Amino acid sequence: MSQMHQMQLTYVAAEDRMLFRVNTKARQEFRFWMTRRYIAILWHTLMQILAKTQAEPQETTGTPVSDPLVEAAKKEMKHQEVVSQADFKTQYQESTYLPLGEQPILLFGIGVKPAPDGQPLLCMHPQNGQGIEMVMGEHILHSFCKLIQDTTAKAEWGLNLTFNEDGRTPEGPRGLN
C-alpha cells in the first residue's frame, strides 16, 4: 500500500459493524468491516502502543513514577493536543480503484510489529487474505483513536474507550462482554 492519505470510520446500522475505509495518495481505497468485539480488542492494542510510545521514566523498582490516574490524564491531554491539529472536516475522497475489491473485508486478527523506521506498525488482517498495515505515528495513532471513540459513541455499543490504565479493568480488556 502506498502512503495513507485519509481514513474514515462509519457505523453501518444494518450490519451492526464499523466500515473502515482508507485511501492512499495513489488514489487506492481499501475497505474493511470491524465488529464490536474487534473494536474492543483494537482499542486495547492501540492503548498498548500509546503506553509504549509515551512511556514515562521508571524508578529503580520498575514501578511507574506517577499514579495511574495522573498518567491517564497526561495521555488524554496529549491526545487532545494532537487531535486539535488534525483535519476532521475535509470530506473523505472516495476512489474507484479498489485493489481488494468493492466489498469490505471482515477484519479478524490484530498485531503490532516494528516498522523499518522503528515506529509501531499496526497489522489488521482478515482470517484469510490481505489486510492492512499502518505505521502508527503520533498523528495517525491519535486520529485513529478519535475516530474509534466518536464512531462507537454513535453506534451506542457501550464500550468504555478511555485512556485509563491502558484500557484494562481487573477482568481484562474493556468492552469484551
C-alpha atoms as a PDB file:
ATOM      1  CA  MET A   1       0.000   0.000   0.000  1.00  0.00           C
ATOM      2  CA  SER A   2       1.309   3.434  -0.800  1.00  0.00           C
ATOM      3  CA  GLN A   3       1.250   6.288   1.698  1.00  0.00           C
ATOM      4  CA  MET A   4      -2.052   6.800   3.508  1.00  0.00           C
ATOM      5  CA  HIS A   5      -3.976   9.927   2.563  1.00  0.00           C
ATOM      6  CA  GLN A   6      -7.242   9.676   4.509  1.00  0.00           C
ATOM      7  CA  MET A   7      -9.142   7.274   6.726  1.00  0.00           C
ATOM      8  CA  GLN A   8     -12.819   7.098   7.605  1.00  0.00           C
ATOM      9  CA  LEU A   9     -14.765   5.042  10.120  1.00  0.00           C
ATOM     10  CA  THR A  10     -18.564   4.908   9.938  1.00  0.00           C
ATOM     11  CA  TYR A  11     -21.183   2.866  11.726  1.00  0.00           C
ATOM     12  CA  VAL A  12     -23.457   0.854   9.416  1.00  0.00           C
ATOM     13  CA  ALA A  13     -26.564   0.033  11.470  1.00  0.00           C
ATOM     14  CA  ALA A  14     -27.887  -2.609   9.038  1.00  0.00           C
ATOM     15  CA  GLU A  15     -24.649  -4.586   9.517  1.00  0.00           C
ATOM     16  CA  ASP A  16     -24.088  -3.529  13.169  1.00  0.00           C
ATOM     17  CA  ARG A  17     -20.448  -3.067  12.196  1.00  0.00           C
ATOM     18  CA  MET A  18     -17.987  -0.292  11.516  1.00  0.00           C
ATOM     19  CA  LEU A  19     -16.874   0.346   7.959  1.00  0.00           C
ATOM     20  CA  PHE A  20     -13.213   1.377   7.921  1.00  0.00           C
ATOM     21  CA  ARG A  21     -12.052   2.943   4.684  1.00  0.00           C
ATOM     22  CA  VAL A  22      -8.535   4.083   3.851  1.00  0.00           C
ATOM     23  CA  ASN A  23      -7.420   5.850   0.717  1.00  0.00           C
ATOM     24  CA  THR A  24      -3.869   6.448  -0.378  1.00  0.00           C
ATOM     25  CA  LYS A  25      -2.025   9.216  -2.152  1.00  0.00           C
ATOM     26  CA  ALA A  26      -2.004   6.882  -5.191  1.00  0.00           C
ATOM     27  CA  ARG A  27      -5.865   7.026  -5.136  1.00  0.00           C
ATOM     28  CA  GLN A  28      -6.330   3.418  -3.955  1.00  0.00           C
ATOM     29  CA  GLU A  29      -9.117   2.660  -1.493  1.00  0.00           C
ATOM     30  CA  PHE A  30      -9.236  -0.237   0.960  1.00  0.00           C
ATOM     31  CA  ARG A  31     -12.452  -1.216   2.776  1.00  0.00           C
ATOM     32  CA  PHE A  32     -12.792  -3.281   5.944  1.00  0.00           C
ATOM     33  CA  TRP A  33     -15.507  -4.322   8.384  1.00  0.00           C
ATOM     34  CA  MET A  34     -14.866  -4.119  12.140  1.00  0.00           C
ATOM     35  CA  THR A  35     -17.168  -5.767  14.685  1.00  0.00           C
ATOM     36  CA  ARG A  36     -17.836  -4.538  18.228  1.00  0.00           C
ATOM     37  CA  ARG A  37     -15.553  -7.236  19.643  1.00  0.00           C
ATOM     38  CA  TYR A  38     -12.823  -6.362  17.130  1.00  0.00           C
ATOM     39  CA  ILE A  39     -13.030  -2.671  18.077  1.00  0.00           C
ATOM     40  CA  ALA A  40     -12.655  -3.552  21.788  1.00  0.00           C
ATOM     41  CA  ILE A  41      -9.533  -5.609  21.077  1.00  0.00           C
ATOM     42  CA  LEU A  42      -8.224  -2.964  18.674  1.00  0.00           C
ATOM     43  CA  TRP A  43      -8.654  -0.276  21.361  1.00  0.00           C
ATOM     44  CA  HIS A  44      -6.676  -2.351  23.846  1.00  0.00           C
ATOM     45  CA  THR A  45      -3.923  -2.783  21.230  1.00  0.00           C
ATOM     46  CA  LEU A  46      -3.869   0.954  20.493  1.00  0.00           C
ATOM     47  CA  MET A  47      -3.577   1.695  24.216  1.00  0.00           C
ATOM     48  CA  GLN A  48      -0.597  -0.672  24.422  1.00  0.00           C
ATOM     49  CA  ILE A  49       1.048   1.191  21.521  1.00  0.00           C
ATOM     50  CA  LEU A  50       0.277   4.501  23.218  1.00  0.00           C
ATOM     51  CA  ALA A  51       1.743   3.289  26.517  1.00  0.00           C
ATOM     52  CA  LYS A  52       4.975   2.252  24.795  1.00  0.00           C
ATOM     53  CA  THR A  53       5.304   5.449  22.789  1.00  0.00           C
ATOM     54  CA  GLN A  54       4.584   7.677  25.798  1.00  0.00           C
ATOM     55  CA  ALA A  55       6.459   5.604  28.396  1.00  0.00           C
ATOM     56  CA  GLU A  56       7.497   7.581  31.433  1.00  0.00           C
ATOM     57  CA  PRO A  57      10.806   7.010  33.264  1.00  0.00           C
ATOM     58  CA  GLN A  58      10.530   4.378  35.965  1.00  0.00           C
ATOM     59  CA  GLU A  59      12.056   4.187  39.398  1.00  0.00           C
ATOM     60  CA  THR A  60      14.643   1.536  40.146  1.00  0.00           C
ATOM     61  CA  THR A  61      11.851  -0.718  41.474  1.00  0.00           C
ATOM     62  CA  GLY A  62      10.328  -0.859  37.984  1.00  0.00           C
ATOM     63  CA  THR A  63       7.098   0.795  39.088  1.00  0.00           C
ATOM     64  CA  PRO A  64       5.789   3.907  37.346  1.00  0.00           C
ATOM     65  CA  VAL A  65       6.830   7.208  38.886  1.00  0.00           C
ATOM     66  CA  SER A  66       3.283   8.595  38.726  1.00  0.00           C
ATOM     67  CA  ASP A  67      -0.041   7.095  39.726  1.00  0.00           C
ATOM     68  CA  PRO A  68      -2.317   5.598  37.014  1.00  0.00           C
ATOM     69  CA  LEU A  69      -4.896   8.406  37.167  1.00  0.00           C
ATOM     70  CA  VAL A  70      -2.213  11.038  36.588  1.00  0.00           C
ATOM     71  CA  GLU A  71      -0.800   9.002  33.701  1.00  0.00           C
ATOM     72  CA  ALA A  72      -4.284   8.627  32.165  1.00  0.00           C
ATOM     73  CA  ALA A  73      -4.827  12.383  32.454  1.00  0.00           C
ATOM     74  CA  LYS A  74      -1.472  13.024  30.746  1.00  0.00           C
ATOM     75  CA  LYS A  75      -2.399  10.648  27.910  1.00  0.00           C
ATOM     76  CA  GLU A  76      -5.792  12.325  27.499  1.00  0.00           C
ATOM     77  CA  MET A  77      -4.191  15.805  27.421  1.00  0.00           C
ATOM     78  CA  LYS A  78      -1.644  14.681  24.829  1.00  0.00           C
ATOM     79  CA  HIS A  79      -4.463  13.097  22.802  1.00  0.00           C
ATOM     80  CA  GLN A  80      -6.462  16.348  22.855  1.00  0.00           C
ATOM     81  CA  GLU A  81      -3.379  18.331  21.829  1.00  0.00           C
ATOM     82  CA  VAL A  82      -2.636  16.073  18.835  1.00  0.00           C
ATOM     83  CA  VAL A  83      -6.239  15.741  17.564  1.00  0.00           C
ATOM     84  CA  SER A  84      -6.744  19.517  17.805  1.00  0.00           C
ATOM     85  CA  GLN A  85      -4.184  19.768  14.986  1.00  0.00           C
ATOM     86  CA  ALA A  86      -5.834  17.071  12.821  1.00  0.00           C
ATOM     87  CA  ASP A  87      -8.211  17.725   9.933  1.00  0.00           C
ATOM     88  CA  PHE A  88     -11.553  16.023  10.596  1.00  0.00           C
ATOM     89  CA  LYS A  89     -13.508  18.448   8.406  1.00  0.00           C
ATOM     90  CA  THR A  90     -12.243  17.601   4.914  1.00  0.00           C
ATOM     91  CA  GLN A  91     -14.695  15.228   3.254  1.00  0.00           C
ATOM     92  CA  TYR A  92     -13.437  11.707   2.594  1.00  0.00           C
ATOM     93  CA  GLN A  93     -12.441  11.330  -1.074  1.00  0.00           C
ATOM     94  CA  GLU A  94     -13.780   8.066  -2.474  1.00  0.00           C
ATOM     95  CA  SER A  95     -11.814   6.187  -5.083  1.00  0.00           C
ATOM     96  CA  THR A  96     -12.884   3.775  -7.789  1.00  0.00           C
ATOM     97  CA  TYR A  97      -9.562   1.904  -7.664  1.00  0.00           C
ATOM     98  CA  LEU A  98     -10.246  -0.830  -5.101  1.00  0.00           C
ATOM     99  CA  PRO A  99      -7.287  -3.289  -5.058  1.00  0.00           C
ATOM    100  CA  LEU A 100      -9.028  -5.653  -2.604  1.00  0.00           C
ATOM    101  CA  GLY A 101     -12.439  -5.397  -4.268  1.00  0.00           C
ATOM    102  CA  GLU A 102     -15.623  -3.410  -3.767  1.00  0.00           C
ATOM    103  CA  GLN A 103     -16.946  -5.462  -0.841  1.00  0.00           C
ATOM    104  CA  PRO A 104     -15.397  -4.694   2.563  1.00  0.00           C
ATOM    105  CA  ILE A 105     -13.283  -7.434   4.126  1.00  0.00           C
ATOM    106  CA  LEU A 106     -14.072  -8.580   7.690  1.00  0.00           C
ATOM    107  CA  LEU A 107     -11.026  -7.982   9.884  1.00  0.00           C
ATOM    108  CA  PHE A 108     -10.120 -10.777  12.293  1.00  0.00           C
ATOM    109  CA  GLY A 109      -6.531 -10.526  13.554  1.00  0.00           C
ATOM    110  CA  ILE A 110      -4.554  -7.695  15.120  1.00  0.00           C
ATOM    111  CA  GLY A 111      -0.833  -7.474  15.684  1.00  0.00           C
ATOM    112  CA  VAL A 112       1.934  -4.950  16.146  1.00  0.00           C
ATOM    113  CA  LYS A 113       5.477  -5.111  14.848  1.00  0.00           C
ATOM    114  CA  PRO A 114       8.204  -2.517  14.332  1.00  0.00           C
ATOM    115  CA  ALA A 115       8.199  -0.621  11.034  1.00  0.00           C
ATOM    116  CA  PRO A 116      11.554  -0.136   9.263  1.00  0.00           C
ATOM    117  CA  ASP A 117      11.878   3.288  10.930  1.00  0.00           C
ATOM    118  CA  GLY A 118      11.193   1.772  14.378  1.00  0.00           C
ATOM    119  CA  GLN A 119       7.668   3.138  14.786  1.00  0.00           C
ATOM    120  CA  PRO A 120       4.885   0.685  15.647  1.00  0.00           C
ATOM    121  CA  LEU A 121       3.219  -0.963  12.649  1.00  0.00           C
ATOM    122  CA  LEU A 122      -0.414  -1.918  13.332  1.00  0.00           C
ATOM    123  CA  CYS A 123      -1.304  -5.069  11.373  1.00  0.00           C
ATOM    124  CA  MET A 124      -5.026  -5.749  10.821  1.00  0.00           C
ATOM    125  CA  HIS A 125      -5.917  -8.795   8.756  1.00  0.00           C
ATOM    126  CA  PRO A 126      -8.902 -10.970   7.864  1.00  0.00           C
ATOM    127  CA  GLN A 127      -8.915 -14.662   8.728  1.00  0.00           C
ATOM    128  CA  ASN A 128      -7.612 -15.325   5.200  1.00  0.00           C
ATOM    129  CA  GLY A 129      -6.228 -12.926   2.634  1.00  0.00           C
ATOM    130  CA  GLN A 130      -4.855  -9.415   2.576  1.00  0.00           C
ATOM    131  CA  GLY A 131      -5.431  -6.847   5.278  1.00  0.00           C
ATOM    132  CA  ILE A 132      -3.822  -3.544   6.078  1.00  0.00           C
ATOM    133  CA  GLU A 133      -0.699  -2.456   7.927  1.00  0.00           C
ATOM    134  CA  MET A 134      -0.443   1.128   9.153  1.00  0.00           C
ATOM    135  CA  VAL A 135       2.511   2.940  10.704  1.00  0.00           C
ATOM    136  CA  MET A 136       1.232   4.345  13.989  1.00  0.00           C
ATOM    137  CA  GLY A 137       2.996   7.672  14.179  1.00  0.00           C
ATOM    138  CA  GLU A 138       1.665  10.049  16.821  1.00  0.00           C
ATOM    139  CA  HIS A 139      -0.717  11.894  14.469  1.00  0.00           C
ATOM    140  CA  ILE A 140      -2.205   8.712  12.939  1.00  0.00           C
ATOM    141  CA  LEU A 141      -2.468   6.954  16.319  1.00  0.00           C
ATOM    142  CA  HIS A 142      -4.384   9.769  17.998  1.00  0.00           C
ATOM    143  CA  SER A 143      -6.564  10.474  14.953  1.00  0.00           C
ATOM    144  CA  PHE A 144      -7.487   6.785  14.708  1.00  0.00           C
ATOM    145  CA  CYS A 145      -8.332   6.725  18.432  1.00  0.00           C
ATOM    146  CA  LYS A 146     -10.622   9.751  17.983  1.00  0.00           C
ATOM    147  CA  LEU A 147     -12.391   8.151  15.008  1.00  0.00           C
ATOM    148  CA  ILE A 148     -12.964   4.992  17.050  1.00  0.00           C
ATOM    149  CA  GLN A 149     -14.241   6.876  20.112  1.00  0.00           C
ATOM    150  CA  ASP A 150     -16.601   9.082  18.089  1.00  0.00           C
ATOM    151  CA  THR A 151     -17.967   6.265  15.934  1.00  0.00           C
ATOM    152  CA  THR A 152     -18.532   3.792  18.770  1.00  0.00           C
ATOM    153  CA  ALA A 153     -20.392   6.514  20.693  1.00  0.00           C
ATOM    154  CA  LYS A 154     -22.702   6.978  17.675  1.00  0.00           C
ATOM    155  CA  ALA A 155     -23.172   3.201  17.479  1.00  0.00           C
ATOM    156  CA  GLU A 156     -24.143   3.109  21.177  1.00  0.00           C
ATOM    157  CA  TRP A 157     -22.078  -0.035  21.689  1.00  0.00           C
ATOM    158  CA  GLY A 158     -21.417   0.773  25.349  1.00  0.00           C
ATOM    159  CA  LEU A 159     -17.649   0.370  25.084  1.00  0.00           C
ATOM    160  CA  ASN A 160     -15.580   2.214  27.693  1.00  0.00           C
ATOM    161  CA  LEU A 161     -12.876   3.613  25.412  1.00  0.00           C
ATOM    162  CA  THR A 162     -10.807   5.717  27.768  1.00  0.00           C
ATOM    163  CA  PHE A 163      -7.099   6.299  28.275  1.00  0.00           C
ATOM    164  CA  ASN A 164      -7.198   4.822  31.803  1.00  0.00           C
ATOM    165  CA  GLU A 165      -4.894   2.005  32.782  1.00  0.00           C
ATOM    166  CA  ASP A 166      -4.091   1.056  29.173  1.00  0.00           C
ATOM    167  CA  GLY A 167      -7.756   0.171  28.523  1.00  0.00           C
ATOM    168  CA  ARG A 168      -7.825  -2.596  31.131  1.00  0.00           C
ATOM    169  CA  THR A 169     -10.053  -3.475  34.048  1.00  0.00           C
ATOM    170  CA  PRO A 170      -9.193  -6.145  36.617  1.00  0.00           C
ATOM    171  CA  GLU A 171     -11.122  -8.612  34.421  1.00  0.00           C
ATOM    172  CA  GLY A 172      -9.095  -7.874  31.245  1.00  0.00           C
ATOM    173  CA  PRO A 173      -9.571  -5.680  28.160  1.00  0.00           C
ATOM    174  CA  ARG A 174     -12.559  -3.343  28.430  1.00  0.00           C
ATOM    175  CA  GLY A 175     -15.587  -3.955  26.284  1.00  0.00           C
ATOM    176  CA  LEU A 176     -15.312  -7.711  25.900  1.00  0.00           C
ATOM    177  CA  ASN A 177     -18.693  -8.670  27.347  1.00  0.00           C
END
